Amino acid sequence: MFKRLSIPTRHKTEFIDVTAHIAQAVQESGVREGLCTVFVPHTTAGVCIQENADPNVPHDLINALHRLVPDDIPYLHVEEGEENAPSHVRAMLVGSSQSLIVEGGQLRLGRWQAVFFCEFDGPRSREIWLHINGQ
């Protein structure tokens, strides 16, 4: 099964917990045992699996990424009206896909884990593509 999820973002940089949306798509697919591939088809956004118990964790991750990839170095990629080179680098570090285990018709994540859509160049209208396969 293939499904597109629309993700509207509200801020320049934010992490959005999309676990419930993905879990619902897995249940709707009818797959009992298999894999769910989560893919972000954008070059300035990504997807990660991280802790969801403490709401400070996404903020800490964003702060760390901004320190690793500062906005104020002389990037060569400067488009008219968009200076988003740091967003490309941050998205590359996070990655554009994750593979999730489906067992018993449910996502199998660790106790503290959630799936986050990672926006680095918002606000924008974004998508996540899901491919759910198995039996």
N, C-alpha and C. Protein backbone atom coordinates (compact mmCIF):
# COMPACT_ATOMS: atom_id res chain seq x y z
N MET A 1 0.84 -1.18 0.00
CA MET A 1 0.00 0.00 0.00
C MET A 1 0.89 1.24 0.00
N PHE A 2 0.50 2.22 -0.79
CA PHE A 2 1.18 3.51 -0.83
C PHE A 2 0.21 4.58 -0.35
N LYS A 3 0.70 5.47 0.51
CA LYS A 3 -0.15 6.55 1.01
C LYS A 3 0.68 7.81 1.17
N ARG A 4 0.05 8.95 0.86
CA ARG A 4 0.66 10.26 1.08
C ARG A 4 -0.02 10.92 2.27
N LEU A 5 0.79 11.47 3.15
CA LEU A 5 0.29 12.24 4.27
C LEU A 5 0.66 13.70 4.06
N SER A 6 -0.29 14.59 4.20
CA SER A 6 -0.02 16.03 4.11
C SER A 6 0.40 16.54 5.48
N ILE A 7 1.48 17.32 5.50
CA ILE A 7 2.01 17.86 6.74
C ILE A 7 2.18 19.37 6.57
N PRO A 8 1.25 20.15 7.10
CA PRO A 8 1.45 21.61 7.07
C PRO A 8 2.37 22.01 8.23
N THR A 9 3.40 22.78 7.93
CA THR A 9 4.29 23.23 8.99
C THR A 9 4.04 24.71 9.26
N ARG A 10 4.32 25.12 10.49
CA ARG A 10 4.00 26.49 10.91
C ARG A 10 5.23 27.34 11.20
N HIS A 11 6.38 26.70 11.35
CA HIS A 11 7.59 27.43 11.76
C HIS A 11 8.74 27.14 10.82
N LYS A 12 9.76 27.97 10.87
CA LYS A 12 10.97 27.77 10.07
C LYS A 12 11.58 26.40 10.36
N THR A 13 11.70 26.08 11.64
CA THR A 13 12.26 24.79 12.06
C THR A 13 11.34 24.22 13.12
N GLU A 14 10.93 22.97 12.92
CA GLU A 14 10.10 22.30 13.93
C GLU A 14 10.11 20.79 13.71
N PHE A 15 9.88 20.07 14.77
CA PHE A 15 9.71 18.63 14.73
C PHE A 15 8.25 18.35 15.06
N ILE A 16 7.58 17.58 14.19
CA ILE A 16 6.17 17.28 14.35
C ILE A 16 6.02 15.77 14.54
N ASP A 17 5.42 15.36 15.63
CA ASP A 17 5.18 13.94 15.90
C ASP A 17 4.09 13.43 14.94
N VAL A 18 4.46 12.52 14.05
CA VAL A 18 3.53 11.98 13.06
C VAL A 18 3.24 10.51 13.30
N THR A 19 3.60 10.01 14.46
CA THR A 19 3.46 8.59 14.77
C THR A 19 2.02 8.11 14.63
N ALA A 20 1.07 8.84 15.17
CA ALA A 20 -0.34 8.42 15.13
C ALA A 20 -0.85 8.33 13.70
N HIS A 21 -0.44 9.26 12.84
CA HIS A 21 -0.87 9.23 11.44
C HIS A 21 -0.32 8.00 10.71
N ILE A 22 0.93 7.68 11.00
CA ILE A 22 1.55 6.51 10.38
C ILE A 22 0.92 5.23 10.92
N ALA A 23 0.69 5.17 12.21
CA ALA A 23 0.06 3.99 12.82
C ALA A 23 -1.33 3.76 12.23
N GLN A 24 -2.08 4.83 12.01
CA GLN A 24 -3.41 4.70 11.41
C GLN A 24 -3.31 4.15 9.99
N ALA A 25 -2.35 4.64 9.22
CA ALA A 25 -2.17 4.13 7.85
C ALA A 25 -1.79 2.65 7.85
N VAL A 26 -0.97 2.24 8.81
CA VAL A 26 -0.60 0.83 8.93
C VAL A 26 -1.84 -0.01 9.23
N GLN A 27 -2.68 0.43 10.15
CA GLN A 27 -3.90 -0.31 10.47
C GLN A 27 -4.82 -0.40 9.26
N GLU A 28 -4.97 0.71 8.53
CA GLU A 28 -5.83 0.73 7.35
C GLU A 28 -5.31 -0.17 6.23
N SER A 29 -4.00 -0.39 6.20
CA SER A 29 -3.41 -1.20 5.13
C SER A 29 -3.78 -2.68 5.24
N GLY A 30 -4.08 -3.13 6.46
CA GLY A 30 -4.38 -4.54 6.66
C GLY A 30 -3.13 -5.41 6.78
N VAL A 31 -1.96 -4.83 6.65
CA VAL A 31 -0.72 -5.61 6.79
C VAL A 31 -0.55 -5.99 8.25
N ARG A 32 -0.31 -7.27 8.49
CA ARG A 32 -0.14 -7.77 9.85
C ARG A 32 1.33 -7.88 10.23
N GLU A 33 2.16 -8.31 9.28
CA GLU A 33 3.60 -8.49 9.51
C GLU A 33 4.33 -7.93 8.30
N GLY A 34 5.25 -7.00 8.53
CA GLY A 34 5.98 -6.43 7.40
C GLY A 34 6.75 -5.19 7.79
N LEU A 35 6.86 -4.28 6.81
CA LEU A 35 7.61 -3.05 7.00
C LEU A 35 6.81 -1.86 6.50
N CYS A 36 7.02 -0.74 7.15
CA CYS A 36 6.48 0.53 6.70
C CYS A 36 7.66 1.44 6.43
N THR A 37 7.86 1.79 5.18
CA THR A 37 8.90 2.74 4.82
C THR A 37 8.30 4.14 4.84
N VAL A 38 8.94 5.04 5.57
CA VAL A 38 8.52 6.43 5.67
C VAL A 38 9.55 7.25 4.90
N PHE A 39 9.09 7.98 3.88
CA PHE A 39 9.99 8.75 3.03
C PHE A 39 9.51 10.19 2.91
N VAL A 40 10.43 11.13 3.04
CA VAL A 40 10.14 12.55 2.91
C VAL A 40 10.73 13.03 1.58
N PRO A 41 9.87 13.43 0.62
CA PRO A 41 10.35 13.80 -0.71
C PRO A 41 10.74 15.29 -0.81
N HIS A 42 11.48 15.77 0.18
CA HIS A 42 11.88 17.18 0.21
C HIS A 42 13.36 17.26 0.56
N THR A 43 14.06 18.26 0.05
CA THR A 43 15.49 18.40 0.32
C THR A 43 15.80 19.30 1.51
N THR A 44 14.79 19.90 2.10
CA THR A 44 15.00 20.73 3.29
C THR A 44 14.13 20.27 4.45
N ALA A 45 13.80 18.99 4.45
CA ALA A 45 13.04 18.38 5.54
C ALA A 45 13.50 16.93 5.67
N GLY A 46 13.19 16.32 6.80
CA GLY A 46 13.60 14.94 7.01
C GLY A 46 12.66 14.22 7.95
N VAL A 47 13.06 13.02 8.36
CA VAL A 47 12.27 12.22 9.28
C VAL A 47 13.22 11.49 10.22
N CYS A 48 12.85 11.44 11.50
CA CYS A 48 13.69 10.74 12.47
C CYS A 48 12.82 10.02 13.49
N ILE A 49 13.45 9.09 14.18
CA ILE A 49 12.83 8.41 15.31
C ILE A 49 13.55 8.93 16.55
N GLN A 50 12.77 9.45 17.49
CA GLN A 50 13.36 10.05 18.68
C GLN A 50 12.41 9.91 19.86
N GLU A 51 12.89 10.34 21.01
CA GLU A 51 12.09 10.27 22.23
C GLU A 51 10.88 11.22 22.14
N ASN A 52 9.73 10.74 22.62
CA ASN A 52 8.54 11.58 22.66
C ASN A 52 8.03 11.81 24.08
N ALA A 53 8.73 11.29 25.09
CA ALA A 53 8.26 11.43 26.47
C ALA A 53 8.52 12.84 27.02
N ASP A 54 9.63 13.43 26.65
CA ASP A 54 10.00 14.76 27.13
C ASP A 54 9.90 15.75 25.97
N PRO A 55 9.00 16.72 26.04
CA PRO A 55 8.84 17.67 24.93
C PRO A 55 10.06 18.56 24.71
N ASN A 56 11.02 18.53 25.63
CA ASN A 56 12.25 19.30 25.44
C ASN A 56 13.22 18.65 24.47
N VAL A 57 13.09 17.35 24.24
CA VAL A 57 14.03 16.65 23.36
C VAL A 57 14.03 17.24 21.95
N PRO A 58 12.87 17.43 21.29
CA PRO A 58 12.92 18.05 19.96
C PRO A 58 13.58 19.43 19.97
N HIS A 59 13.33 20.22 21.00
CA HIS A 59 13.95 21.55 21.10
C HIS A 59 15.47 21.42 21.23
N ASP A 60 15.92 20.47 22.04
CA ASP A 60 17.37 20.24 22.18
C ASP A 60 17.99 19.80 20.86
N LEU A 61 17.29 18.94 20.13
CA LEU A 61 17.81 18.47 18.84
C LEU A 61 17.91 19.62 17.84
N ILE A 62 16.88 20.45 17.80
CA ILE A 62 16.89 21.61 16.90
C ILE A 62 18.05 22.54 17.27
N ASN A 63 18.21 22.82 18.55
CA ASN A 63 19.31 23.69 18.98
C ASN A 63 20.67 23.11 18.61
N ALA A 64 20.84 21.80 18.80
CA ALA A 64 22.11 21.15 18.46
C ALA A 64 22.36 21.22 16.95
N LEU A 65 21.33 20.98 16.15
CA LEU A 65 21.51 21.06 14.69
C LEU A 65 21.87 22.48 14.25
N HIS A 66 21.30 23.48 14.89
CA HIS A 66 21.63 24.87 14.56
C HIS A 66 23.06 25.22 14.96
N ARG A 67 23.55 24.61 16.03
CA ARG A 67 24.95 24.84 16.42
C ARG A 67 25.90 24.11 15.48
N LEU A 68 25.51 22.90 15.06
CA LEU A 68 26.35 22.14 14.12
C LEU A 68 26.38 22.79 12.74
N VAL A 69 25.23 23.34 12.33
CA VAL A 69 25.08 23.93 11.01
C VAL A 69 24.57 25.36 11.18
N PRO A 70 25.47 26.30 11.40
CA PRO A 70 25.03 27.69 11.63
C PRO A 70 24.51 28.35 10.36
N ASP A 71 23.67 29.36 10.56
CA ASP A 71 23.09 30.11 9.44
C ASP A 71 24.06 31.11 8.83
N ASP A 72 25.06 31.52 9.59
CA ASP A 72 25.86 32.68 9.19
C ASP A 72 27.22 32.37 8.56
N ILE A 73 27.41 31.19 8.00
CA ILE A 73 28.65 30.95 7.26
C ILE A 73 28.39 31.25 5.78
N PRO A 74 29.42 31.51 5.00
CA PRO A 74 29.21 31.92 3.60
C PRO A 74 28.86 30.74 2.67
N TYR A 75 27.58 30.39 2.62
CA TYR A 75 27.13 29.32 1.73
C TYR A 75 27.09 29.84 0.29
N LEU A 76 27.31 28.96 -0.66
CA LEU A 76 27.27 29.33 -2.07
C LEU A 76 25.86 29.20 -2.65
N HIS A 77 25.05 28.31 -2.07
CA HIS A 77 23.68 28.11 -2.56
C HIS A 77 22.78 29.22 -2.01
N VAL A 78 22.58 30.23 -2.83
CA VAL A 78 21.72 31.34 -2.45
C VAL A 78 20.82 31.63 -3.64
N GLU A 79 19.55 31.22 -3.51
CA GLU A 79 18.57 31.48 -4.56
C GLU A 79 17.88 32.80 -4.27
N GLU A 80 17.33 33.41 -5.30
CA GLU A 80 16.64 34.67 -5.12
C GLU A 80 15.49 34.49 -4.12
N GLY A 81 15.55 35.22 -3.03
CA GLY A 81 14.49 35.15 -2.03
C GLY A 81 14.61 33.99 -1.06
N GLU A 82 15.53 33.06 -1.31
CA GLU A 82 15.69 31.90 -0.43
C GLU A 82 17.16 31.70 -0.12
N GLU A 83 17.49 31.78 1.13
CA GLU A 83 18.84 31.45 1.56
C GLU A 83 18.71 30.24 2.49
N ASN A 84 18.52 29.07 1.87
CA ASN A 84 18.18 27.88 2.66
C ASN A 84 19.26 26.80 2.63
N ALA A 85 20.49 27.17 2.31
CA ALA A 85 21.57 26.18 2.31
C ALA A 85 21.70 25.44 3.64
N PRO A 86 21.62 26.14 4.79
CA PRO A 86 21.71 25.40 6.06
C PRO A 86 20.60 24.37 6.21
N SER A 87 19.42 24.66 5.66
CA SER A 87 18.31 23.71 5.74
C SER A 87 18.62 22.43 4.97
N HIS A 88 19.30 22.55 3.84
CA HIS A 88 19.71 21.37 3.07
C HIS A 88 20.69 20.51 3.89
N VAL A 89 21.63 21.15 4.55
CA VAL A 89 22.63 20.42 5.32
C VAL A 89 21.96 19.71 6.52
N ARG A 90 21.09 20.42 7.20
CA ARG A 90 20.39 19.81 8.36
C ARG A 90 19.54 18.63 7.93
N ALA A 91 18.85 18.76 6.80
CA ALA A 91 18.03 17.65 6.29
C ALA A 91 18.91 16.45 5.93
N MET A 92 20.08 16.72 5.37
CA MET A 92 20.99 15.63 5.02
C MET A 92 21.44 14.89 6.28
N LEU A 93 21.70 15.62 7.35
CA LEU A 93 22.15 15.00 8.59
C LEU A 93 21.06 14.12 9.21
N VAL A 94 19.81 14.58 9.15
CA VAL A 94 18.70 13.83 9.73
C VAL A 94 18.32 12.64 8.85
N GLY A 95 18.30 12.84 7.55
CA GLY A 95 17.93 11.77 6.61
C GLY A 95 16.50 11.90 6.13
N SER A 96 16.21 11.23 5.04
CA SER A 96 14.90 11.37 4.40
C SER A 96 14.01 10.14 4.52
N SER A 97 14.48 9.08 5.19
CA SER A 97 13.61 7.90 5.31
C SER A 97 13.91 7.12 6.58
N GLN A 98 12.90 6.33 6.96
CA GLN A 98 13.01 5.40 8.08
C GLN A 98 12.24 4.13 7.71
N SER A 99 12.72 3.00 8.18
CA SER A 99 12.00 1.73 8.02
C SER A 99 11.47 1.32 9.38
N LEU A 100 10.17 1.07 9.44
CA LEU A 100 9.52 0.71 10.69
C LEU A 100 8.96 -0.70 10.61
N ILE A 101 9.10 -1.45 11.68
CA ILE A 101 8.59 -2.81 11.74
C ILE A 101 7.09 -2.78 12.01
N VAL A 102 6.37 -3.63 11.28
CA VAL A 102 4.95 -3.85 11.53
C VAL A 102 4.80 -5.26 12.06
N GLU A 103 4.20 -5.39 13.24
CA GLU A 103 4.01 -6.70 13.86
C GLU A 103 2.62 -6.73 14.47
N GLY A 104 1.85 -7.75 14.15
CA GLY A 104 0.50 -7.86 14.68
C GLY A 104 -0.39 -6.71 14.22
N GLY A 105 -0.11 -6.16 13.05
CA GLY A 105 -0.91 -5.06 12.51
C GLY A 105 -0.61 -3.71 13.13
N GLN A 106 0.44 -3.63 13.97
CA GLN A 106 0.79 -2.40 14.68
C GLN A 106 2.24 -2.01 14.41
N LEU A 107 2.52 -0.71 14.50
CA LEU A 107 3.91 -0.26 14.46
C LEU A 107 4.63 -0.79 15.68
N ARG A 108 5.87 -1.23 15.50
CA ARG A 108 6.69 -1.69 16.62
C ARG A 108 7.77 -0.64 16.86
N LEU A 109 7.56 0.19 17.87
CA LEU A 109 8.54 1.20 18.27
C LEU A 109 8.93 0.95 19.71
N GLY A 110 10.08 1.46 20.10
CA GLY A 110 10.52 1.36 21.48
C GLY A 110 9.62 2.19 22.40
N ARG A 111 9.72 1.92 23.68
CA ARG A 111 8.84 2.53 24.68
C ARG A 111 8.77 4.06 24.58
N TRP A 112 9.90 4.70 24.37
CA TRP A 112 9.95 6.16 24.36
C TRP A 112 10.01 6.75 22.97
N GLN A 113 9.89 5.91 21.93
CA GLN A 113 10.11 6.38 20.57
C GLN A 113 8.86 6.89 19.89
N ALA A 114 9.08 7.87 19.00
CA ALA A 114 8.05 8.40 18.13
C ALA A 114 8.72 8.76 16.81
N VAL A 115 7.90 8.92 15.78
CA VAL A 115 8.40 9.32 14.47
C VAL A 115 8.11 10.81 14.31
N PHE A 116 9.15 11.56 13.98
CA PHE A 116 9.02 13.01 13.84
C PHE A 116 9.32 13.44 12.40
N PHE A 117 8.43 14.27 11.85
CA PHE A 117 8.73 15.00 10.63
C PHE A 117 9.56 16.20 11.04
N CYS A 118 10.68 16.42 10.36
CA CYS A 118 11.62 17.47 10.73
C CYS A 118 11.64 18.55 9.66
N GLU A 119 11.08 19.70 9.98
CA GLU A 119 11.04 20.84 9.06
C GLU A 119 12.24 21.75 9.33
N PHE A 120 12.94 22.11 8.24
CA PHE A 120 14.09 23.00 8.36
C PHE A 120 13.98 24.25 7.50
N ASP A 121 12.88 24.39 6.74
CA ASP A 121 12.74 25.53 5.83
C ASP A 121 11.28 25.93 5.68
N GLY A 122 10.58 25.99 6.79
CA GLY A 122 9.15 26.30 6.75
C GLY A 122 8.88 27.77 6.93
N PRO A 123 7.63 28.08 7.09
CA PRO A 123 6.50 27.15 6.99
C PRO A 123 6.19 26.79 5.54
N ARG A 124 5.77 25.55 5.36
CA ARG A 124 5.46 25.03 4.03
C ARG A 124 4.38 23.96 4.12
N SER A 125 3.86 23.61 2.97
CA SER A 125 2.98 22.46 2.85
C SER A 125 3.85 21.28 2.43
N ARG A 126 3.94 20.27 3.25
CA ARG A 126 4.86 19.14 3.02
C ARG A 126 4.09 17.83 2.88
N GLU A 127 4.83 16.80 2.49
CA GLU A 127 4.26 15.45 2.39
C GLU A 127 5.21 14.44 3.01
N ILE A 128 4.61 13.36 3.48
CA ILE A 128 5.34 12.14 3.82
C ILE A 128 4.74 11.05 2.96
N TRP A 129 5.59 10.24 2.37
CA TRP A 129 5.11 9.10 1.59
C TRP A 129 5.35 7.83 2.40
N LEU A 130 4.33 6.99 2.44
CA LEU A 130 4.41 5.72 3.15
C LEU A 130 4.27 4.57 2.16
N HIS A 131 5.10 3.56 2.32
CA HIS A 131 4.96 2.33 1.57
C HIS A 131 4.90 1.20 2.61
N ILE A 132 3.76 0.55 2.69
CA ILE A 132 3.54 -0.48 3.70
C ILE A 132 3.40 -1.80 2.97
N ASN A 133 4.30 -2.73 3.28
CA ASN A 133 4.23 -4.02 2.60
C ASN A 133 4.45 -5.16 3.59
N GLY A 134 3.95 -6.30 3.22
CA GLY A 134 4.04 -7.49 4.07
C GLY A 134 2.81 -8.33 3.87
N GLN A 135 2.49 -9.08 4.89
CA GLN A 135 1.33 -9.97 4.80
C GLN A 135 0.37 -9.79 5.94
